[in-house]
Amino acid sequence: MVSFNGKIVIYFWCNMKFDGKVTWQIIRTLLFLIMGLFNTVFIKPEDAGTYKEYLGYFFLILVAAEIVGLIKNFFSREKSDDTNKEESE
């Protein structure tokens, strides 16, 4: 069994940086993914069909929306960086 240490998640939550910004969006997406998988794929048979399963589906849908938003944000930031470089030359 894998043991989970919350201190590790909190450390990465506070100290991960990308371009000077905290990447809490990525950490949040990963946490939603883990919660969604544990409530759908790894659910106990006696909990199937309860609110836990539907909550897992909700988290997985939320992860899909988060990933689409992160990808859109990444490409729009990349475009704005390219136009700023061209304007400065």
PDB file of N, CA and C in Angstrom:
ATOM      1  N   MET A   1       0.834  -1.189   0.000  1.00  0.00           N
ATOM      2  CA  MET A   1       0.000   0.000   0.000  1.00  0.00           C
ATOM      3  C   MET A   1       0.875   1.248   0.000  1.00  0.00           C
ATOM      4  N   VAL A   2       0.481   2.223  -0.762  1.00  0.00           N
ATOM      5  CA  VAL A   2       1.245   3.459  -0.865  1.00  0.00           C
ATOM      6  C   VAL A   2       0.828   4.396   0.258  1.00  0.00           C
ATOM      7  N   SER A   3       1.819   4.912   0.980  1.00  0.00           N
ATOM      8  CA  SER A   3       1.472   5.876   2.024  1.00  0.00           C
ATOM      9  C   SER A   3       1.505   7.276   1.416  1.00  0.00           C
ATOM     10  N   PHE A   4       0.634   8.125   1.880  1.00  0.00           N
ATOM     11  CA  PHE A   4       0.510   9.475   1.349  1.00  0.00           C
ATOM     12  C   PHE A   4       0.892  10.465   2.431  1.00  0.00           C
ATOM     13  N   ASN A   5       1.807  11.336   2.101  1.00  0.00           N
ATOM     14  CA  ASN A   5       2.255  12.339   3.051  1.00  0.00           C
ATOM     15  C   ASN A   5       1.787  13.705   2.564  1.00  0.00           C
ATOM     16  N   GLY A   6       0.877  14.323   3.291  1.00  0.00           N
ATOM     17  CA  GLY A   6       0.333  15.619   2.891  1.00  0.00           C
ATOM     18  C   GLY A   6       1.357  16.729   2.898  1.00  0.00           C
ATOM     19  N   LYS A   7       2.435  16.568   3.684  1.00  0.00           N
ATOM     20  CA  LYS A   7       3.465  17.608   3.734  1.00  0.00           C
ATOM     21  C   LYS A   7       4.153  17.768   2.389  1.00  0.00           C
ATOM     22  N   ILE A   8       4.308  16.672   1.651  1.00  0.00           N
ATOM     23  CA  ILE A   8       4.949  16.749   0.337  1.00  0.00           C
ATOM     24  C   ILE A   8       4.098  17.584  -0.608  1.00  0.00           C
ATOM     25  N   VAL A   9       2.796  17.358  -0.621  1.00  0.00           N
ATOM     26  CA  VAL A   9       1.898  18.104  -1.499  1.00  0.00           C
ATOM     27  C   VAL A   9       1.920  19.584  -1.139  1.00  0.00           C
ATOM     28  N   ILE A  10       1.877  19.885   0.147  1.00  0.00           N
ATOM     29  CA  ILE A  10       1.902  21.281   0.583  1.00  0.00           C
ATOM     30  C   ILE A  10       3.222  21.939   0.199  1.00  0.00           C
ATOM     31  N   TYR A  11       4.337  21.212   0.308  1.00  0.00           N
ATOM     32  CA  TYR A  11       5.642  21.757  -0.066  1.00  0.00           C
ATOM     33  C   TYR A  11       5.657  22.125  -1.541  1.00  0.00           C
ATOM     34  N   PHE A  12       5.215  21.186  -2.412  1.00  0.00           N
ATOM     35  CA  PHE A  12       5.213  21.476  -3.836  1.00  0.00           C
ATOM     36  C   PHE A  12       4.201  22.556  -4.187  1.00  0.00           C
ATOM     37  N   TRP A  13       3.080  22.579  -3.473  1.00  0.00           N
ATOM     38  CA  TRP A  13       2.052  23.594  -3.705  1.00  0.00           C
ATOM     39  C   TRP A  13       2.635  24.993  -3.488  1.00  0.00           C
ATOM     40  N   CYS A  14       3.435  25.144  -2.444  1.00  0.00           N
ATOM     41  CA  CYS A  14       3.966  26.458  -2.085  1.00  0.00           C
ATOM     42  C   CYS A  14       5.238  26.825  -2.840  1.00  0.00           C
ATOM     43  N   ASN A  15       6.028  25.844  -3.267  1.00  0.00           N
ATOM     44  CA  ASN A  15       7.354  26.151  -3.791  1.00  0.00           C
ATOM     45  C   ASN A  15       7.544  25.919  -5.280  1.00  0.00           C
ATOM     46  N   MET A  16       6.575  25.311  -5.986  1.00  0.00           N
ATOM     47  CA  MET A  16       6.736  25.130  -7.420  1.00  0.00           C
ATOM     48  C   MET A  16       6.503  26.453  -8.122  1.00  0.00           C
ATOM     49  N   LYS A  17       7.432  26.832  -8.966  1.00  0.00           N
ATOM     50  CA  LYS A  17       7.282  28.094  -9.696  1.00  0.00           C
ATOM     51  C   LYS A  17       7.554  27.855 -11.176  1.00  0.00           C
ATOM     52  N   PHE A  18       6.856  28.594 -12.006  1.00  0.00           N
ATOM     53  CA  PHE A  18       7.040  28.536 -13.448  1.00  0.00           C
ATOM     54  C   PHE A  18       6.901  29.949 -13.961  1.00  0.00           C
ATOM     55  N   ASP A  19       7.945  30.489 -14.503  1.00  0.00           N
ATOM     56  CA  ASP A  19       7.970  31.878 -14.966  1.00  0.00           C
ATOM     57  C   ASP A  19       7.606  32.844 -13.843  1.00  0.00           C
ATOM     58  N   GLY A  20       8.051  32.557 -12.628  1.00  0.00           N
ATOM     59  CA  GLY A  20       7.798  33.442 -11.501  1.00  0.00           C
ATOM     60  C   GLY A  20       6.407  33.338 -10.912  1.00  0.00           C
ATOM     61  N   LYS A  21       5.578  32.444 -11.426  1.00  0.00           N
ATOM     62  CA  LYS A  21       4.219  32.295 -10.914  1.00  0.00           C
ATOM     63  C   LYS A  21       4.066  30.917 -10.281  1.00  0.00           C
ATOM     64  N   VAL A  22       3.312  30.838  -9.226  1.00  0.00           N
ATOM     65  CA  VAL A  22       3.047  29.545  -8.591  1.00  0.00           C
ATOM     66  C   VAL A  22       2.096  28.762  -9.481  1.00  0.00           C
ATOM     67  N   THR A  23       2.457  27.532  -9.764  1.00  0.00           N
ATOM     68  CA  THR A  23       1.639  26.723 -10.666  1.00  0.00           C
ATOM     69  C   THR A  23       0.611  25.925  -9.881  1.00  0.00           C
ATOM     70  N   TRP A  24      -0.207  26.617  -9.140  1.00  0.00           N
ATOM     71  CA  TRP A  24      -1.222  25.937  -8.347  1.00  0.00           C
ATOM     72  C   TRP A  24      -2.291  25.314  -9.234  1.00  0.00           C
ATOM     73  N   GLN A  25      -2.446  25.811 -10.460  1.00  0.00           N
ATOM     74  CA  GLN A  25      -3.443  25.231 -11.353  1.00  0.00           C
ATOM     75  C   GLN A  25      -3.095  23.779 -11.685  1.00  0.00           C
ATOM     76  N   ILE A  26      -1.808  23.507 -11.906  1.00  0.00           N
ATOM     77  CA  ILE A  26      -1.388  22.150 -12.250  1.00  0.00           C
ATOM     78  C   ILE A  26      -1.556  21.232 -11.049  1.00  0.00           C
ATOM     79  N   ILE A  27      -1.164  21.692  -9.874  1.00  0.00           N
ATOM     80  CA  ILE A  27      -1.309  20.892  -8.669  1.00  0.00           C
ATOM     81  C   ILE A  27      -2.786  20.621  -8.394  1.00  0.00           C
ATOM     82  N   ARG A  28      -3.622  21.640  -8.566  1.00  0.00           N
ATOM     83  CA  ARG A  28      -5.061  21.464  -8.337  1.00  0.00           C
ATOM     84  C   ARG A  28      -5.644  20.447  -9.313  1.00  0.00           C
ATOM     85  N   THR A  29      -5.209  20.515 -10.563  1.00  0.00           N
ATOM     86  CA  THR A  29      -5.688  19.567 -11.561  1.00  0.00           C
ATOM     87  C   THR A  29      -5.271  18.145 -11.201  1.00  0.00           C
ATOM     88  N   LEU A  30      -4.043  17.969 -10.746  1.00  0.00           N
ATOM     89  CA  LEU A  30      -3.579  16.637 -10.353  1.00  0.00           C
ATOM     90  C   LEU A  30      -4.352  16.112  -9.143  1.00  0.00           C
ATOM     91  N   LEU A  31      -4.635  16.982  -8.189  1.00  0.00           N
ATOM     92  CA  LEU A  31      -5.412  16.552  -7.026  1.00  0.00           C
ATOM     93  C   LEU A  31      -6.837  16.163  -7.423  1.00  0.00           C
ATOM     94  N   PHE A  32      -7.461  16.933  -8.320  1.00  0.00           N
ATOM     95  CA  PHE A  32      -8.795  16.575  -8.805  1.00  0.00           C
ATOM     96  C   PHE A  32      -8.756  15.240  -9.549  1.00  0.00           C
ATOM     97  N   LEU A  33      -7.689  15.009 -10.319  1.00  0.00           N
ATOM     98  CA  LEU A  33      -7.552  13.750 -11.042  1.00  0.00           C
ATOM     99  C   LEU A  33      -7.439  12.576 -10.076  1.00  0.00           C
ATOM    100  N   ILE A  34      -6.623  12.724  -9.054  1.00  0.00           N
ATOM    101  CA  ILE A  34      -6.456  11.657  -8.064  1.00  0.00           C
ATOM    102  C   ILE A  34      -7.780  11.374  -7.359  1.00  0.00           C
ATOM    103  N   MET A  35      -8.483  12.438  -6.945  1.00  0.00           N
ATOM    104  CA  MET A  35      -9.767  12.236  -6.262  1.00  0.00           C
ATOM    105  C   MET A  35     -10.790  11.598  -7.195  1.00  0.00           C
ATOM    106  N   GLY A  36     -10.796  12.006  -8.460  1.00  0.00           N
ATOM    107  CA  GLY A  36     -11.725  11.421  -9.411  1.00  0.00           C
ATOM    108  C   GLY A  36     -11.445   9.957  -9.674  1.00  0.00           C
ATOM    109  N   LEU A  37     -10.170   9.609  -9.808  1.00  0.00           N
ATOM    110  CA  LEU A  37      -9.824   8.203 -10.052  1.00  0.00           C
ATOM    111  C   LEU A  37     -10.138   7.325  -8.850  1.00  0.00           C
ATOM    112  N   PHE A  38      -9.855   7.823  -7.662  1.00  0.00           N
ATOM    113  CA  PHE A  38     -10.139   7.023  -6.477  1.00  0.00           C
ATOM    114  C   PHE A  38     -11.632   6.838  -6.255  1.00  0.00           C
ATOM    115  N   ASN A  39     -12.450   7.749  -6.750  1.00  0.00           N
ATOM    116  CA  ASN A  39     -13.894   7.626  -6.567  1.00  0.00           C
ATOM    117  C   ASN A  39     -14.607   6.976  -7.749  1.00  0.00           C
ATOM    118  N   THR A  40     -13.876   6.629  -8.809  1.00  0.00           N
ATOM    119  CA  THR A  40     -14.505   5.937  -9.939  1.00  0.00           C
ATOM    120  C   THR A  40     -13.816   4.613 -10.224  1.00  0.00           C
ATOM    121  N   VAL A  41     -12.557   4.656 -10.591  1.00  0.00           N
ATOM    122  CA  VAL A  41     -11.844   3.449 -10.999  1.00  0.00           C
ATOM    123  C   VAL A  41     -11.509   2.565  -9.806  1.00  0.00           C
ATOM    124  N   PHE A  42     -11.050   3.157  -8.728  1.00  0.00           N
ATOM    125  CA  PHE A  42     -10.612   2.394  -7.560  1.00  0.00           C
ATOM    126  C   PHE A  42     -11.653   2.365  -6.443  1.00  0.00           C
ATOM    127  N   ILE A  43     -12.926   2.516  -6.798  1.00  0.00           N
ATOM    128  CA  ILE A  43     -13.976   2.556  -5.784  1.00  0.00           C
ATOM    129  C   ILE A  43     -14.263   1.137  -5.273  1.00  0.00           C
ATOM    130  N   LYS A  44     -14.630   1.038  -4.016  1.00  0.00           N
ATOM    131  CA  LYS A  44     -15.000  -0.259  -3.442  1.00  0.00           C
ATOM    132  C   LYS A  44     -16.337  -0.701  -4.044  1.00  0.00           C
ATOM    133  N   PRO A  45     -16.519  -1.996  -4.220  1.00  0.00           N
ATOM    134  CA  PRO A  45     -17.771  -2.472  -4.836  1.00  0.00           C
ATOM    135  C   PRO A  45     -19.024  -2.054  -4.072  1.00  0.00           C
ATOM    136  N   GLU A  46     -18.937  -1.969  -2.759  1.00  0.00           N
ATOM    137  CA  GLU A  46     -20.132  -1.590  -1.998  1.00  0.00           C
ATOM    138  C   GLU A  46     -20.471  -0.098  -2.135  1.00  0.00           C
ATOM    139  N   ASP A  47     -19.512   0.705  -2.627  1.00  0.00           N
ATOM    140  CA  ASP A  47     -19.773   2.133  -2.823  1.00  0.00           C
ATOM    141  C   ASP A  47     -20.216   2.457  -4.242  1.00  0.00           C
ATOM    142  N   ALA A  48     -20.250   1.477  -5.122  1.00  0.00           N
ATOM    143  CA  ALA A  48     -20.664   1.715  -6.507  1.00  0.00           C
ATOM    144  C   ALA A  48     -22.136   2.122  -6.531  1.00  0.00           C
ATOM    145  N   GLY A  49     -22.433   3.152  -7.293  1.00  0.00           N
ATOM    146  CA  GLY A  49     -23.806   3.628  -7.409  1.00  0.00           C
ATOM    147  C   GLY A  49     -24.204   4.638  -6.352  1.00  0.00           C
ATOM    148  N   THR A  50     -23.288   4.994  -5.470  1.00  0.00           N
ATOM    149  CA  THR A  50     -23.594   5.987  -4.441  1.00  0.00           C
ATOM    150  C   THR A  50     -23.108   7.359  -4.899  1.00  0.00           C
ATOM    151  N   TYR A  51     -23.245   8.331  -4.018  1.00  0.00           N
ATOM    152  CA  TYR A  51     -22.821   9.687  -4.344  1.00  0.00           C
ATOM    153  C   TYR A  51     -21.313   9.763  -4.598  1.00  0.00           C
ATOM    154  N   LYS A  52     -20.543   8.844  -4.021  1.00  0.00           N
ATOM    155  CA  LYS A  52     -19.089   8.871  -4.202  1.00  0.00           C
ATOM    156  C   LYS A  52     -18.712   8.652  -5.669  1.00  0.00           C
ATOM    157  N   GLU A  53     -19.399   7.752  -6.300  1.00  0.00           N
ATOM    158  CA  GLU A  53     -19.112   7.484  -7.709  1.00  0.00           C
ATOM    159  C   GLU A  53     -19.456   8.692  -8.572  1.00  0.00           C
ATOM    160  N   TYR A  54     -20.595   9.306  -8.313  1.00  0.00           N
ATOM    161  CA  TYR A  54     -20.986  10.488  -9.082  1.00  0.00           C
ATOM    162  C   TYR A  54     -20.064  11.668  -8.805  1.00  0.00           C
ATOM    163  N   LEU A  55     -19.598  11.774  -7.576  1.00  0.00           N
ATOM    164  CA  LEU A  55     -18.625  12.809  -7.238  1.00  0.00           C
ATOM    165  C   LEU A  55     -17.319  12.577  -8.001  1.00  0.00           C
ATOM    166  N   GLY A  56     -16.922  11.315  -8.147  1.00  0.00           N
ATOM    167  CA  GLY A  56     -15.730  10.982  -8.934  1.00  0.00           C
ATOM    168  C   GLY A  56     -15.883  11.378 -10.386  1.00  0.00           C
ATOM    169  N   TYR A  57     -17.053  11.117 -10.967  1.00  0.00           N
ATOM    170  CA  TYR A  57     -17.308  11.536 -12.348  1.00  0.00           C
ATOM    171  C   TYR A  57     -17.243  13.056 -12.471  1.00  0.00           C
ATOM    172  N   PHE A  58     -17.788  13.749 -11.488  1.00  0.00           N
ATOM    173  CA  PHE A  58     -17.736  15.213 -11.494  1.00  0.00           C
ATOM    174  C   PHE A  58     -16.291  15.700 -11.494  1.00  0.00           C
ATOM    175  N   PHE A  59     -15.440  15.094 -10.654  1.00  0.00           N
ATOM    176  CA  PHE A  59     -14.036  15.501 -10.605  1.00  0.00           C
ATOM    177  C   PHE A  59     -13.323  15.211 -11.926  1.00  0.00           C
ATOM    178  N   LEU A  60     -13.637  14.088 -12.563  1.00  0.00           N
ATOM    179  CA  LEU A  60     -12.992  13.776 -13.839  1.00  0.00           C
ATOM    180  C   LEU A  60     -13.424  14.751 -14.936  1.00  0.00           C
ATOM    181  N   ILE A  61     -14.690  15.154 -14.927  1.00  0.00           N
ATOM    182  CA  ILE A  61     -15.149  16.166 -15.888  1.00  0.00           C
ATOM    183  C   ILE A  61     -14.463  17.501 -15.603  1.00  0.00           C
ATOM    184  N   LEU A  62     -14.320  17.822 -14.333  1.00  0.00           N
ATOM    185  CA  LEU A  62     -13.629  19.050 -13.949  1.00  0.00           C
ATOM    186  C   LEU A  62     -12.170  19.023 -14.401  1.00  0.00           C
ATOM    187  N   VAL A  63     -11.524  17.871 -14.304  1.00  0.00           N
ATOM    188  CA  VAL A  63     -10.136  17.730 -14.760  1.00  0.00           C
ATOM    189  C   VAL A  63     -10.050  17.965 -16.263  1.00  0.00           C
ATOM    190  N   ALA A  64     -10.982  17.422 -17.008  1.00  0.00           N
ATOM    191  CA  ALA A  64     -10.972  17.626 -18.461  1.00  0.00           C
ATOM    192  C   ALA A  64     -11.094  19.111 -18.798  1.00  0.00           C
ATOM    193  N   ALA A  65     -11.984  19.808 -18.114  1.00  0.00           N
ATOM    194  CA  ALA A  65     -12.142  21.247 -18.350  1.00  0.00           C
ATOM    195  C   ALA A  65     -10.884  22.008 -17.942  1.00  0.00           C
ATOM    196  N   GLU A  66     -10.266  21.619 -16.826  1.00  0.00           N
ATOM    197  CA  GLU A  66      -9.036  22.270 -16.372  1.00  0.00           C
ATOM    198  C   GLU A  66      -7.910  22.085 -17.386  1.00  0.00           C
ATOM    199  N   ILE A  67      -7.786  20.872 -17.933  1.00  0.00           N
ATOM    200  CA  ILE A  67      -6.726  20.602 -18.899  1.00  0.00           C
ATOM    201  C   ILE A  67      -6.922  21.437 -20.161  1.00  0.00           C
ATOM    202  N   VAL A  68      -8.165  21.533 -20.628  1.00  0.00           N
ATOM    203  CA  VAL A  68      -8.441  22.370 -21.803  1.00  0.00           C
ATOM    204  C   VAL A  68      -8.072  23.825 -21.507  1.00  0.00           C
ATOM    205  N   GLY A  69      -8.431  24.306 -20.329  1.00  0.00           N
ATOM    206  CA  GLY A  69      -8.085  25.680 -19.957  1.00  0.00           C
ATOM    207  C   GLY A  69      -6.591  25.905 -19.843  1.00  0.00           C
ATOM    208  N   LEU A  70      -5.873  24.947 -19.285  1.00  0.00           N
ATOM    209  CA  LEU A  70      -4.418  25.076 -19.174  1.00  0.00           C
ATOM    210  C   LEU A  70      -3.751  25.099 -20.543  1.00  0.00           C
ATOM    211  N   ILE A  71      -4.235  24.254 -21.449  1.00  0.00           N
ATOM    212  CA  ILE A  71      -3.659  24.221 -22.795  1.00  0.00           C
ATOM    213  C   ILE A  71      -3.946  25.527 -23.529  1.00  0.00           C
ATOM    214  N   LYS A  72      -5.182  26.032 -23.419  1.00  0.00           N
ATOM    215  CA  LYS A  72      -5.514  27.316 -24.052  1.00  0.00           C
ATOM    216  C   LYS A  72      -4.658  28.440 -23.485  1.00  0.00           C
ATOM    217  N   ASN A  73      -4.487  28.447 -22.159  1.00  0.00           N
ATOM    218  CA  ASN A  73      -3.681  29.472 -21.504  1.00  0.00           C
ATOM    219  C   ASN A  73      -2.224  29.384 -21.949  1.00  0.00           C
ATOM    220  N   PHE A  74      -1.701  28.169 -22.081  1.00  0.00           N
ATOM    221  CA  PHE A  74      -0.319  27.992 -22.499  1.00  0.00           C
ATOM    222  C   PHE A  74      -0.092  28.530 -23.899  1.00  0.00           C
ATOM    223  N   PHE A  75      -0.995  28.182 -24.841  1.00  0.00           N
ATOM    224  CA  PHE A  75      -0.812  28.640 -26.209  1.00  0.00           C
ATOM    225  C   PHE A  75      -1.054  30.131 -26.356  1.00  0.00           C
ATOM    226  N   SER A  76      -1.981  30.706 -25.609  1.00  0.00           N
ATOM    227  CA  SER A  76      -2.195  32.144 -25.705  1.00  0.00           C
ATOM    228  C   SER A  76      -1.023  32.905 -25.100  1.00  0.00           C
ATOM    229  N   ARG A  77      -0.424  32.368 -24.036  1.00  0.00           N
ATOM    230  CA  ARG A  77       0.748  33.009 -23.448  1.00  0.00           C
ATOM    231  C   ARG A  77       1.927  32.918 -24.399  1.00  0.00           C
ATOM    232  N   GLU A  78       2.054  31.787 -25.094  1.00  0.00           N
ATOM    233  CA  GLU A  78       3.144  31.605 -26.044  1.00  0.00           C
ATOM    234  C   GLU A  78       3.004  32.589 -27.200  1.00  0.00           C
ATOM    235  N   LYS A  79       1.762  32.797 -27.695  1.00  0.00           N
ATOM    236  CA  LYS A  79       1.532  33.758 -28.772  1.00  0.00           C
ATOM    237  C   LYS A  79       1.872  35.170 -28.327  1.00  0.00           C
ATOM    238  N   SER A  80       1.464  35.542 -27.110  1.00  0.00           N
ATOM    239  CA  SER A  80       1.734  36.897 -26.637  1.00  0.00           C
ATOM    240  C   SER A  80       3.228  37.112 -26.421  1.00  0.00           C
ATOM    241  N   ASP A  81       3.955  36.082 -26.021  1.00  0.00           N
ATOM    242  CA  ASP A  81       5.405  36.202 -25.884  1.00  0.00           C
ATOM    243  C   ASP A  81       6.068  36.417 -27.233  1.00  0.00           C
ATOM    244  N   ASP A  82       5.580  35.712 -28.278  1.00  0.00           N
ATOM    245  CA  ASP A  82       6.130  35.876 -29.611  1.00  0.00           C
ATOM    246  C   ASP A  82       5.868  37.275 -30.154  1.00  0.00           C
ATOM    247  N   THR A  83       4.671  37.821 -29.947  1.00  0.00           N
ATOM    248  CA  THR A  83       4.370  39.158 -30.462  1.00  0.00           C
ATOM    249  C   THR A  83       5.141  40.221 -29.683  1.00  0.00           C
ATOM    250  N   ASN A  84       5.383  40.029 -28.409  1.00  0.00           N
ATOM    251  CA  ASN A  84       6.167  40.992 -27.646  1.00  0.00           C
ATOM    252  C   ASN A  84       7.619  41.007 -28.112  1.00  0.00           C
ATOM    253  N   LYS A  85       8.162  39.859 -28.489  1.00  0.00           N
ATOM    254  CA  LYS A  85       9.541  39.797 -28.988  1.00  0.00           C
ATOM    255  C   LYS A  85       9.655  40.510 -30.334  1.00  0.00           C
ATOM    256  N   GLU A  86       8.637  40.325 -31.194  1.00  0.00           N
ATOM    257  CA  GLU A  86       8.669  40.967 -32.510  1.00  0.00           C
ATOM    258  C   GLU A  86       8.545  42.475 -32.377  1.00  0.00           C
ATOM    259  N   GLU A  87       7.745  42.961 -31.455  1.00  0.00           N
ATOM    260  CA  GLU A  87       7.552  44.399 -31.282  1.00  0.00           C
ATOM    261  C   GLU A  87       8.799  45.059 -30.705  1.00  0.00           C
ATOM    262  N   SER A  88       9.551  44.346 -29.889  1.00  0.00           N
ATOM    263  CA  SER A  88      10.730  44.937 -29.278  1.00  0.00           C
ATOM    264  C   SER A  88      11.899  45.044 -30.247  1.00  0.00           C
ATOM    265  N   GLU A  89      11.862  44.265 -31.341  1.00  0.00           N
ATOM    266  CA  GLU A  89      12.959  44.308 -32.323  1.00  0.00           C
ATOM    267  C   GLU A  89      12.784  45.433 -33.244  1.00  0.00           C
TER     268      GLU A  89
END
